[in-house]
Amino acid sequence: MITKELVDRINTLARKQRTEGLTPEEKEEQHQLRQQYLKGIRGQVINALNNIRFAEGEGSCGCGCGQPKHQHQHRPQHGKNGGCGCSGHHHGKKSPLH
């Protein structure tokens, strides 16, 4: 887990490294803290990716208009509401995704 204390200590060691240098023990501590920080970042990224859900089926454009994604891939200019250029209306109702 990334805490304020972890980040503060990493920054303190980095400043000391630039100004006066680190002892072998501090270098090892710095390495371990950086590894812990990176582990936390990786965990956050994995968690975020695991929580991604598709709003529409995998083959749709995702804006709620119901058009297949492949119809929108080759348009030279995309509409203001995303990639498909639809007005955000689906059968006369505003899509909840717009």
PDB file of N, CA and C in Angstrom:
ATOM      1  N   MET A   1       0.844  -1.171   0.000  1.00  0.00           N
ATOM      2  CA  MET A   1       0.000   0.000   0.000  1.00  0.00           C
ATOM      3  C   MET A   1       0.898   1.246   0.000  1.00  0.00           C
ATOM      4  N   ILE A   2       0.498   2.227  -0.773  1.00  0.00           N
ATOM      5  CA  ILE A   2       1.253   3.468  -0.863  1.00  0.00           C
ATOM      6  C   ILE A   2       0.690   4.446   0.167  1.00  0.00           C
ATOM      7  N   THR A   3       1.543   4.848   1.081  1.00  0.00           N
ATOM      8  CA  THR A   3       1.128   5.802   2.104  1.00  0.00           C
ATOM      9  C   THR A   3       1.913   7.096   1.936  1.00  0.00           C
ATOM     10  N   LYS A   4       1.438   8.129   2.583  1.00  0.00           N
ATOM     11  CA  LYS A   4       2.146   9.409   2.559  1.00  0.00           C
ATOM     12  C   LYS A   4       3.532   9.248   3.167  1.00  0.00           C
ATOM     13  N   GLU A   5       3.629   8.460   4.223  1.00  0.00           N
ATOM     14  CA  GLU A   5       4.913   8.244   4.876  1.00  0.00           C
ATOM     15  C   GLU A   5       5.907   7.557   3.940  1.00  0.00           C
ATOM     16  N   LEU A   6       5.410   6.589   3.159  1.00  0.00           N
ATOM     17  CA  LEU A   6       6.263   5.886   2.202  1.00  0.00           C
ATOM     18  C   LEU A   6       6.810   6.865   1.168  1.00  0.00           C
ATOM     19  N   VAL A   7       5.936   7.673   0.595  1.00  0.00           N
ATOM     20  CA  VAL A   7       6.349   8.637  -0.428  1.00  0.00           C
ATOM     21  C   VAL A   7       7.291   9.674   0.172  1.00  0.00           C
ATOM     22  N   ASP A   8       6.980  10.150   1.379  1.00  0.00           N
ATOM     23  CA  ASP A   8       7.852  11.128   2.031  1.00  0.00           C
ATOM     24  C   ASP A   8       9.258  10.568   2.254  1.00  0.00           C
ATOM     25  N   ARG A   9       9.348   9.318   2.696  1.00  0.00           N
ATOM     26  CA  ARG A   9      10.663   8.721   2.950  1.00  0.00           C
ATOM     27  C   ARG A   9      11.434   8.521   1.648  1.00  0.00           C
ATOM     28  N   ILE A  10      10.745   8.084   0.593  1.00  0.00           N
ATOM     29  CA  ILE A  10      11.389   7.932  -0.718  1.00  0.00           C
ATOM     30  C   ILE A  10      11.937   9.282  -1.174  1.00  0.00           C
ATOM     31  N   ASN A  11      11.152  10.324  -1.029  1.00  0.00           N
ATOM     32  CA  ASN A  11      11.581  11.662  -1.449  1.00  0.00           C
ATOM     33  C   ASN A  11      12.743  12.174  -0.600  1.00  0.00           C
ATOM     34  N   THR A  12      12.697  11.902   0.696  1.00  0.00           N
ATOM     35  CA  THR A  12      13.793  12.311   1.581  1.00  0.00           C
ATOM     36  C   THR A  12      15.095  11.648   1.159  1.00  0.00           C
ATOM     37  N   LEU A  13      15.039  10.361   0.905  1.00  0.00           N
ATOM     38  CA  LEU A  13      16.250   9.646   0.480  1.00  0.00           C
ATOM     39  C   LEU A  13      16.724  10.137  -0.884  1.00  0.00           C
ATOM     40  N   ALA A  14      15.813  10.454  -1.774  1.00  0.00           N
ATOM     41  CA  ALA A  14      16.208  10.955  -3.099  1.00  0.00           C
ATOM     42  C   ALA A  14      16.908  12.308  -2.976  1.00  0.00           C
ATOM     43  N   ARG A  15      16.375  13.183  -2.118  1.00  0.00           N
ATOM     44  CA  ARG A  15      17.027  14.480  -1.908  1.00  0.00           C
ATOM     45  C   ARG A  15      18.425  14.299  -1.307  1.00  0.00           C
ATOM     46  N   LYS A  16      18.519  13.423  -0.326  1.00  0.00           N
ATOM     47  CA  LYS A  16      19.817  13.181   0.307  1.00  0.00           C
ATOM     48  C   LYS A  16      20.807  12.583  -0.689  1.00  0.00           C
ATOM     49  N   GLN A  17      20.311  11.706  -1.558  1.00  0.00           N
ATOM     50  CA  GLN A  17      21.179  11.092  -2.568  1.00  0.00           C
ATOM     51  C   GLN A  17      21.760  12.162  -3.490  1.00  0.00           C
ATOM     52  N   ARG A  18      20.948  13.147  -3.856  1.00  0.00           N
ATOM     53  CA  ARG A  18      21.422  14.210  -4.754  1.00  0.00           C
ATOM     54  C   ARG A  18      22.401  15.162  -4.061  1.00  0.00           C
ATOM     55  N   THR A  19      22.189  15.397  -2.776  1.00  0.00           N
ATOM     56  CA  THR A  19      23.015  16.404  -2.095  1.00  0.00           C
ATOM     57  C   THR A  19      24.284  15.841  -1.481  1.00  0.00           C
ATOM     58  N   GLU A  20      24.156  14.829  -0.644  1.00  0.00           N
ATOM     59  CA  GLU A  20      25.330  14.339   0.079  1.00  0.00           C
ATOM     60  C   GLU A  20      25.641  12.871  -0.135  1.00  0.00           C
ATOM     61  N   GLY A  21      24.754  12.163  -0.793  1.00  0.00           N
ATOM     62  CA  GLY A  21      24.966  10.744  -1.020  1.00  0.00           C
ATOM     63  C   GLY A  21      24.334   9.889   0.074  1.00  0.00           C
ATOM     64  N   LEU A  22      24.208   8.610  -0.206  1.00  0.00           N
ATOM     65  CA  LEU A  22      23.573   7.673   0.724  1.00  0.00           C
ATOM     66  C   LEU A  22      24.580   6.649   1.211  1.00  0.00           C
ATOM     67  N   THR A  23      24.348   6.188   2.424  1.00  0.00           N
ATOM     68  CA  THR A  23      25.139   5.084   2.953  1.00  0.00           C
ATOM     69  C   THR A  23      24.651   3.800   2.286  1.00  0.00           C
ATOM     70  N   PRO A  24      25.416   2.728   2.357  1.00  0.00           N
ATOM     71  CA  PRO A  24      24.940   1.453   1.795  1.00  0.00           C
ATOM     72  C   PRO A  24      23.594   1.020   2.395  1.00  0.00           C
ATOM     73  N   GLU A  25      23.400   1.260   3.675  1.00  0.00           N
ATOM     74  CA  GLU A  25      22.127   0.894   4.319  1.00  0.00           C
ATOM     75  C   GLU A  25      20.972   1.728   3.758  1.00  0.00           C
ATOM     76  N   GLU A  26      21.221   3.024   3.552  1.00  0.00           N
ATOM     77  CA  GLU A  26      20.185   3.898   2.993  1.00  0.00           C
ATOM     78  C   GLU A  26      19.880   3.532   1.544  1.00  0.00           C
ATOM     79  N   LYS A  27      20.900   3.144   0.794  1.00  0.00           N
ATOM     80  CA  LYS A  27      20.678   2.702  -0.582  1.00  0.00           C
ATOM     81  C   LYS A  27      19.777   1.469  -0.614  1.00  0.00           C
ATOM     82  N   GLU A  28      20.032   0.546   0.296  1.00  0.00           N
ATOM     83  CA  GLU A  28      19.194  -0.659   0.375  1.00  0.00           C
ATOM     84  C   GLU A  28      17.770  -0.295   0.787  1.00  0.00           C
ATOM     85  N   GLU A  29      17.641   0.602   1.765  1.00  0.00           N
ATOM     86  CA  GLU A  29      16.305   1.054   2.187  1.00  0.00           C
ATOM     87  C   GLU A  29      15.582   1.719   1.023  1.00  0.00           C
ATOM     88  N   GLN A  30      16.301   2.572   0.296  1.00  0.00           N
ATOM     89  CA  GLN A  30      15.711   3.253  -0.855  1.00  0.00           C
ATOM     90  C   GLN A  30      15.213   2.242  -1.891  1.00  0.00           C
ATOM     91  N   HIS A  31      16.014   1.238  -2.158  1.00  0.00           N
ATOM     92  CA  HIS A  31      15.637   0.198  -3.117  1.00  0.00           C
ATOM     93  C   HIS A  31      14.373  -0.527  -2.655  1.00  0.00           C
ATOM     94  N   GLN A  32      14.349  -0.920  -1.375  1.00  0.00           N
ATOM     95  CA  GLN A  32      13.187  -1.635  -0.852  1.00  0.00           C
ATOM     96  C   GLN A  32      11.933  -0.766  -0.877  1.00  0.00           C
ATOM     97  N   LEU A  33      12.063   0.506  -0.526  1.00  0.00           N
ATOM     98  CA  LEU A  33      10.911   1.411  -0.540  1.00  0.00           C
ATOM     99  C   LEU A  33      10.389   1.618  -1.961  1.00  0.00           C
ATOM    100  N   ARG A  34      11.312   1.754  -2.905  1.00  0.00           N
ATOM    101  CA  ARG A  34      10.895   1.914  -4.303  1.00  0.00           C
ATOM    102  C   ARG A  34      10.190   0.663  -4.818  1.00  0.00           C
ATOM    103  N   GLN A  35      10.675  -0.500  -4.426  1.00  0.00           N
ATOM    104  CA  GLN A  35      10.018  -1.749  -4.829  1.00  0.00           C
ATOM    105  C   GLN A  35       8.605  -1.830  -4.239  1.00  0.00           C
ATOM    106  N   GLN A  36       8.482  -1.421  -2.984  1.00  0.00           N
ATOM    107  CA  GLN A  36       7.168  -1.408  -2.333  1.00  0.00           C
ATOM    108  C   GLN A  36       6.229  -0.434  -3.041  1.00  0.00           C
ATOM    109  N   TYR A  37       6.749   0.734  -3.419  1.00  0.00           N
ATOM    110  CA  TYR A  37       5.957   1.731  -4.143  1.00  0.00           C
ATOM    111  C   TYR A  37       5.494   1.181  -5.489  1.00  0.00           C
ATOM    112  N   LEU A  38       6.427   0.574  -6.231  1.00  0.00           N
ATOM    113  CA  LEU A  38       6.072   0.011  -7.542  1.00  0.00           C
ATOM    114  C   LEU A  38       5.048  -1.113  -7.411  1.00  0.00           C
ATOM    115  N   LYS A  39       5.174  -1.928  -6.381  1.00  0.00           N
ATOM    116  CA  LYS A  39       4.205  -2.987  -6.142  1.00  0.00           C
ATOM    117  C   LYS A  39       2.812  -2.393  -5.909  1.00  0.00           C
ATOM    118  N   GLY A  40       2.765  -1.296  -5.169  1.00  0.00           N
ATOM    119  CA  GLY A  40       1.488  -0.615  -4.930  1.00  0.00           C
ATOM    120  C   GLY A  40       0.889  -0.062  -6.209  1.00  0.00           C
ATOM    121  N   ILE A  41       1.714   0.549  -7.043  1.00  0.00           N
ATOM    122  CA  ILE A  41       1.241   1.092  -8.326  1.00  0.00           C
ATOM    123  C   ILE A  41       0.725  -0.034  -9.214  1.00  0.00           C
ATOM    124  N   ARG A  42       1.486  -1.120  -9.298  1.00  0.00           N
ATOM    125  CA  ARG A  42       1.043  -2.262 -10.114  1.00  0.00           C
ATOM    126  C   ARG A  42      -0.297  -2.789  -9.616  1.00  0.00           C
ATOM    127  N   GLY A  43      -0.453  -2.873  -8.309  1.00  0.00           N
ATOM    128  CA  GLY A  43      -1.710  -3.337  -7.735  1.00  0.00           C
ATOM    129  C   GLY A  43      -2.871  -2.424  -8.096  1.00  0.00           C
ATOM    130  N   GLN A  44      -2.638  -1.112  -8.065  1.00  0.00           N
ATOM    131  CA  GLN A  44      -3.681  -0.157  -8.423  1.00  0.00           C
ATOM    132  C   GLN A  44      -4.079  -0.293  -9.892  1.00  0.00           C
ATOM    133  N   VAL A  45      -3.089  -0.462 -10.759  1.00  0.00           N
ATOM    134  CA  VAL A  45      -3.365  -0.603 -12.193  1.00  0.00           C
ATOM    135  C   VAL A  45      -4.142  -1.895 -12.455  1.00  0.00           C
ATOM    136  N   ILE A  46      -3.701  -2.977 -11.851  1.00  0.00           N
ATOM    137  CA  ILE A  46      -4.399  -4.257 -12.031  1.00  0.00           C
ATOM    138  C   ILE A  46      -5.827  -4.162 -11.512  1.00  0.00           C
ATOM    139  N   ASN A  47      -6.011  -3.535 -10.361  1.00  0.00           N
ATOM    140  CA  ASN A  47      -7.342  -3.366  -9.802  1.00  0.00           C
ATOM    141  C   ASN A  47      -8.231  -2.539 -10.731  1.00  0.00           C
ATOM    142  N   ALA A  48      -7.682  -1.443 -11.265  1.00  0.00           N
ATOM    143  CA  ALA A  48      -8.448  -0.606 -12.187  1.00  0.00           C
ATOM    144  C   ALA A  48      -8.822  -1.383 -13.444  1.00  0.00           C
ATOM    145  N   LEU A  49      -7.881  -2.142 -13.989  1.00  0.00           N
ATOM    146  CA  LEU A  49      -8.174  -2.914 -15.195  1.00  0.00           C
ATOM    147  C   LEU A  49      -9.203  -4.010 -14.928  1.00  0.00           C
ATOM    148  N   ASN A  50      -9.142  -4.605 -13.756  1.00  0.00           N
ATOM    149  CA  ASN A  50     -10.111  -5.647 -13.408  1.00  0.00           C
ATOM    150  C   ASN A  50     -11.518  -5.098 -13.206  1.00  0.00           C
ATOM    151  N   ASN A  51     -11.635  -3.800 -12.954  1.00  0.00           N
ATOM    152  CA  ASN A  51     -12.943  -3.194 -12.721  1.00  0.00           C
ATOM    153  C   ASN A  51     -13.547  -2.559 -13.964  1.00  0.00           C
ATOM    154  N   ILE A  52     -12.890  -2.682 -15.103  1.00  0.00           N
ATOM    155  CA  ILE A  52     -13.427  -2.133 -16.342  1.00  0.00           C
ATOM    156  C   ILE A  52     -14.583  -3.002 -16.807  1.00  0.00           C
ATOM    157  N   ARG A  53     -15.681  -2.366 -17.121  1.00  0.00           N
ATOM    158  CA  ARG A  53     -16.865  -3.053 -17.636  1.00  0.00           C
ATOM    159  C   ARG A  53     -17.296  -2.377 -18.927  1.00  0.00           C
ATOM    160  N   PHE A  54     -17.712  -3.155 -19.891  1.00  0.00           N
ATOM    161  CA  PHE A  54     -18.205  -2.603 -21.142  1.00  0.00           C
ATOM    162  C   PHE A  54     -19.625  -2.110 -20.944  1.00  0.00           C
ATOM    163  N   ALA A  55     -19.905  -0.911 -21.446  1.00  0.00           N
ATOM    164  CA  ALA A  55     -21.242  -0.346 -21.331  1.00  0.00           C
ATOM    165  C   ALA A  55     -22.193  -1.027 -22.310  1.00  0.00           C
ATOM    166  N   GLU A  56     -21.701  -1.403 -23.438  1.00  0.00           N
ATOM    167  CA  GLU A  56     -22.470  -2.092 -24.467  1.00  0.00           C
ATOM    168  C   GLU A  56     -21.724  -3.385 -24.782  1.00  0.00           C
ATOM    169  N   GLY A  57     -22.246  -4.165 -25.691  1.00  0.00           N
ATOM    170  CA  GLY A  57     -21.546  -5.373 -26.107  1.00  0.00           C
ATOM    171  C   GLY A  57     -20.190  -5.039 -26.697  1.00  0.00           C
ATOM    172  N   GLU A  58     -19.297  -5.996 -26.724  1.00  0.00           N
ATOM    173  CA  GLU A  58     -17.941  -5.758 -27.200  1.00  0.00           C
ATOM    174  C   GLU A  58     -17.901  -5.218 -28.620  1.00  0.00           C
ATOM    175  N   GLY A  59     -18.867  -5.544 -29.431  1.00  0.00           N
ATOM    176  CA  GLY A  59     -18.835  -5.111 -30.815  1.00  0.00           C
ATOM    177  C   GLY A  59     -19.489  -3.780 -31.072  1.00  0.00           C
ATOM    178  N   SER A  60     -20.063  -3.137 -30.070  1.00  0.00           N
ATOM    179  CA  SER A  60     -20.730  -1.865 -30.303  1.00  0.00           C
ATOM    180  C   SER A  60     -19.763  -0.712 -30.088  1.00  0.00           C
ATOM    181  N   CYS A  61     -20.171   0.473 -30.523  1.00  0.00           N
ATOM    182  CA  CYS A  61     -19.277   1.628 -30.428  1.00  0.00           C
ATOM    183  C   CYS A  61     -19.179   2.141 -29.014  1.00  0.00           C
ATOM    184  N   GLY A  62     -20.101   1.798 -28.122  1.00  0.00           N
ATOM    185  CA  GLY A  62     -20.003   2.184 -26.723  1.00  0.00           C
ATOM    186  C   GLY A  62     -20.713   3.468 -26.366  1.00  0.00           C
ATOM    187  N   CYS A  63     -21.275   4.182 -27.321  1.00  0.00           N
ATOM    188  CA  CYS A  63     -21.924   5.444 -27.000  1.00  0.00           C
ATOM    189  C   CYS A  63     -23.398   5.259 -26.684  1.00  0.00           C
ATOM    190  N   GLY A  64     -23.930   4.102 -26.946  1.00  0.00           N
ATOM    191  CA  GLY A  64     -25.343   3.862 -26.680  1.00  0.00           C
ATOM    192  C   GLY A  64     -26.229   3.959 -27.908  1.00  0.00           C
ATOM    193  N   CYS A  65     -25.647   4.268 -29.068  1.00  0.00           N
ATOM    194  CA  CYS A  65     -26.475   4.412 -30.262  1.00  0.00           C
ATOM    195  C   CYS A  65     -26.827   3.061 -30.862  1.00  0.00           C
ATOM    196  N   GLY A  66     -26.116   2.025 -30.450  1.00  0.00           N
ATOM    197  CA  GLY A  66     -26.410   0.687 -30.935  1.00  0.00           C
ATOM    198  C   GLY A  66     -25.733   0.317 -32.234  1.00  0.00           C
ATOM    199  N   GLN A  67     -24.958   1.223 -32.806  1.00  0.00           N
ATOM    200  CA  GLN A  67     -24.278   0.936 -34.063  1.00  0.00           C
ATOM    201  C   GLN A  67     -23.044   0.071 -33.800  1.00  0.00           C
ATOM    202  N   PRO A  68     -22.782  -0.873 -34.681  1.00  0.00           N
ATOM    203  CA  PRO A  68     -21.584  -1.698 -34.520  1.00  0.00           C
ATOM    204  C   PRO A  68     -20.320  -0.846 -34.591  1.00  0.00           C
ATOM    205  N   LYS A  69     -19.329  -1.233 -33.837  1.00  0.00           N
ATOM    206  CA  LYS A  69     -18.074  -0.489 -33.762  1.00  0.00           C
ATOM    207  C   LYS A  69     -17.411  -0.372 -35.129  1.00  0.00           C
ATOM    208  N   HIS A  70     -17.472  -1.439 -35.938  1.00  0.00           N
ATOM    209  CA  HIS A  70     -16.749  -1.420 -37.205  1.00  0.00           C
ATOM    210  C   HIS A  70     -17.272  -0.355 -38.158  1.00  0.00           C
ATOM    211  N   GLN A  71     -18.503   0.110 -37.989  1.00  0.00           N
ATOM    212  CA  GLN A  71     -19.027   1.160 -38.858  1.00  0.00           C
ATOM    213  C   GLN A  71     -18.389   2.505 -38.546  1.00  0.00           C
ATOM    214  N   HIS A  72     -17.810   2.667 -37.381  1.00  0.00           N
ATOM    215  CA  HIS A  72     -17.270   3.945 -36.955  1.00  0.00           C
ATOM    216  C   HIS A  72     -15.758   4.023 -37.060  1.00  0.00           C
ATOM    217  N   GLN A  73     -15.099   2.921 -37.268  1.00  0.00           N
ATOM    218  CA  GLN A  73     -13.640   2.919 -37.238  1.00  0.00           C
ATOM    219  C   GLN A  73     -13.011   3.698 -38.381  1.00  0.00           C
ATOM    220  N   HIS A  74     -13.652   3.784 -39.505  1.00  0.00           N
ATOM    221  CA  HIS A  74     -13.017   4.377 -40.677  1.00  0.00           C
ATOM    222  C   HIS A  74     -13.541   5.767 -40.990  1.00  0.00           C
ATOM    223  N   ARG A  75     -14.315   6.363 -40.080  1.00  0.00           N
ATOM    224  CA  ARG A  75     -14.806   7.719 -40.329  1.00  0.00           C
ATOM    225  C   ARG A  75     -13.664   8.715 -40.162  1.00  0.00           C
ATOM    226  N   PRO A  76     -13.490   9.618 -41.121  1.00  0.00           N
ATOM    227  CA  PRO A  76     -12.397  10.569 -41.019  1.00  0.00           C
ATOM    228  C   PRO A  76     -12.595  11.577 -39.885  1.00  0.00           C
ATOM    229  N   GLN A  77     -13.843  11.945 -39.599  1.00  0.00           N
ATOM    230  CA  GLN A  77     -14.101  12.881 -38.517  1.00  0.00           C
ATOM    231  C   GLN A  77     -15.157  12.285 -37.614  1.00  0.00           C
ATOM    232  N   HIS A  78     -14.906  12.367 -36.316  1.00  0.00           N
ATOM    233  CA  HIS A  78     -15.844  11.818 -35.356  1.00  0.00           C
ATOM    234  C   HIS A  78     -16.763  12.905 -34.860  1.00  0.00           C
ATOM    235  N   GLY A  79     -17.951  12.521 -34.497  1.00  0.00           N
ATOM    236  CA  GLY A  79     -18.923  13.472 -33.973  1.00  0.00           C
ATOM    237  C   GLY A  79     -18.538  13.982 -32.608  1.00  0.00           C
ATOM    238  N   LYS A  80     -19.276  14.988 -32.155  1.00  0.00           N
ATOM    239  CA  LYS A  80     -18.951  15.615 -30.882  1.00  0.00           C
ATOM    240  C   LYS A  80     -19.252  14.716 -29.697  1.00  0.00           C
ATOM    241  N   ASN A  81     -20.027  13.671 -29.866  1.00  0.00           N
ATOM    242  CA  ASN A  81     -20.434  12.813 -28.761  1.00  0.00           C
ATOM    243  C   ASN A  81     -19.635  11.525 -28.685  1.00  0.00           C
ATOM    244  N   GLY A  82     -18.473  11.495 -29.212  1.00  0.00           N
ATOM    245  CA  GLY A  82     -17.664  10.282 -29.185  1.00  0.00           C
ATOM    246  C   GLY A  82     -17.209   9.944 -30.576  1.00  0.00           C
ATOM    247  N   GLY A  83     -16.971   8.693 -30.815  1.00  0.00           N
ATOM    248  CA  GLY A  83     -16.405   8.290 -32.074  1.00  0.00           C
ATOM    249  C   GLY A  83     -17.412   8.035 -33.168  1.00  0.00           C
ATOM    250  N   CYS A  84     -18.700   7.904 -32.841  1.00  0.00           N
ATOM    251  CA  CYS A  84     -19.642   7.447 -33.860  1.00  0.00           C
ATOM    252  C   CYS A  84     -20.331   8.582 -34.587  1.00  0.00           C
ATOM    253  N   GLY A  85     -20.365   9.773 -34.031  1.00  0.00           N
ATOM    254  CA  GLY A  85     -21.028  10.885 -34.682  1.00  0.00           C
ATOM    255  C   GLY A  85     -22.527  10.897 -34.467  1.00  0.00           C
ATOM    256  N   CYS A  86     -23.053  10.017 -33.639  1.00  0.00           N
ATOM    257  CA  CYS A  86     -24.490  10.025 -33.390  1.00  0.00           C
ATOM    258  C   CYS A  86     -24.855  11.223 -32.534  1.00  0.00           C
ATOM    259  N   SER A  87     -26.118  11.543 -32.478  1.00  0.00           N
ATOM    260  CA  SER A  87     -26.565  12.699 -31.702  1.00  0.00           C
ATOM    261  C   SER A  87     -26.799  12.354 -30.245  1.00  0.00           C
ATOM    262  N   GLY A  88     -26.625  11.113 -29.889  1.00  0.00           N
ATOM    263  CA  GLY A  88     -26.837  10.711 -28.512  1.00  0.00           C
ATOM    264  C   GLY A  88     -28.267  10.269 -28.257  1.00  0.00           C
ATOM    265  N   HIS A  89     -29.067  10.207 -29.298  1.00  0.00           N
ATOM    266  CA  HIS A  89     -30.455   9.792 -29.138  1.00  0.00           C
ATOM    267  C   HIS A  89     -30.630   8.383 -29.681  1.00  0.00           C
ATOM    268  N   HIS A  90     -31.405   7.623 -29.001  1.00  0.00           N
ATOM    269  CA  HIS A  90     -31.664   6.253 -29.404  1.00  0.00           C
ATOM    270  C   HIS A  90     -33.170   6.058 -29.335  1.00  0.00           C
ATOM    271  N   HIS A  91     -33.802   5.925 -30.476  1.00  0.00           N
ATOM    272  CA  HIS A  91     -35.250   5.778 -30.562  1.00  0.00           C
ATOM    273  C   HIS A  91     -35.970   6.932 -29.868  1.00  0.00           C
ATOM    274  N   GLY A  92     -35.441   8.150 -30.069  1.00  0.00           N
ATOM    275  CA  GLY A  92     -36.103   9.327 -29.526  1.00  0.00           C
ATOM    276  C   GLY A  92     -35.762   9.641 -28.082  1.00  0.00           C
ATOM    277  N   LYS A  93     -34.999   8.806 -27.410  1.00  0.00           N
ATOM    278  CA  LYS A  93     -34.624   9.064 -26.014  1.00  0.00           C
ATOM    279  C   LYS A  93     -33.139   9.348 -25.936  1.00  0.00           C
ATOM    280  N   LYS A  94     -32.769  10.184 -24.986  1.00  0.00           N
ATOM    281  CA  LYS A  94     -31.349  10.450 -24.767  1.00  0.00           C
ATOM    282  C   LYS A  94     -30.717   9.207 -24.130  1.00  0.00           C
ATOM    283  N   SER A  95     -29.593   8.782 -24.663  1.00  0.00           N
ATOM    284  CA  SER A  95     -28.894   7.631 -24.139  1.00  0.00           C
ATOM    285  C   SER A  95     -28.335   7.960 -22.763  1.00  0.00           C
ATOM    286  N   PRO A  96     -28.383   7.035 -21.799  1.00  0.00           N
ATOM    287  CA  PRO A  96     -27.811   7.298 -20.476  1.00  0.00           C
ATOM    288  C   PRO A  96     -26.299   7.426 -20.502  1.00  0.00           C
ATOM    289  N   LEU A  97     -25.669   7.017 -21.581  1.00  0.00           N
ATOM    290  CA  LEU A  97     -24.221   7.100 -21.673  1.00  0.00           C
ATOM    291  C   LEU A  97     -23.734   8.428 -22.211  1.00  0.00           C
ATOM    292  N   HIS A  98     -24.644   9.281 -22.704  1.00  0.00           N
ATOM    293  CA  HIS A  98     -24.237  10.581 -23.252  1.00  0.00           C
ATOM    294  C   HIS A  98     -24.387  11.649 -22.218  1.00  0.00           C
TER     295      HIS A  98
END
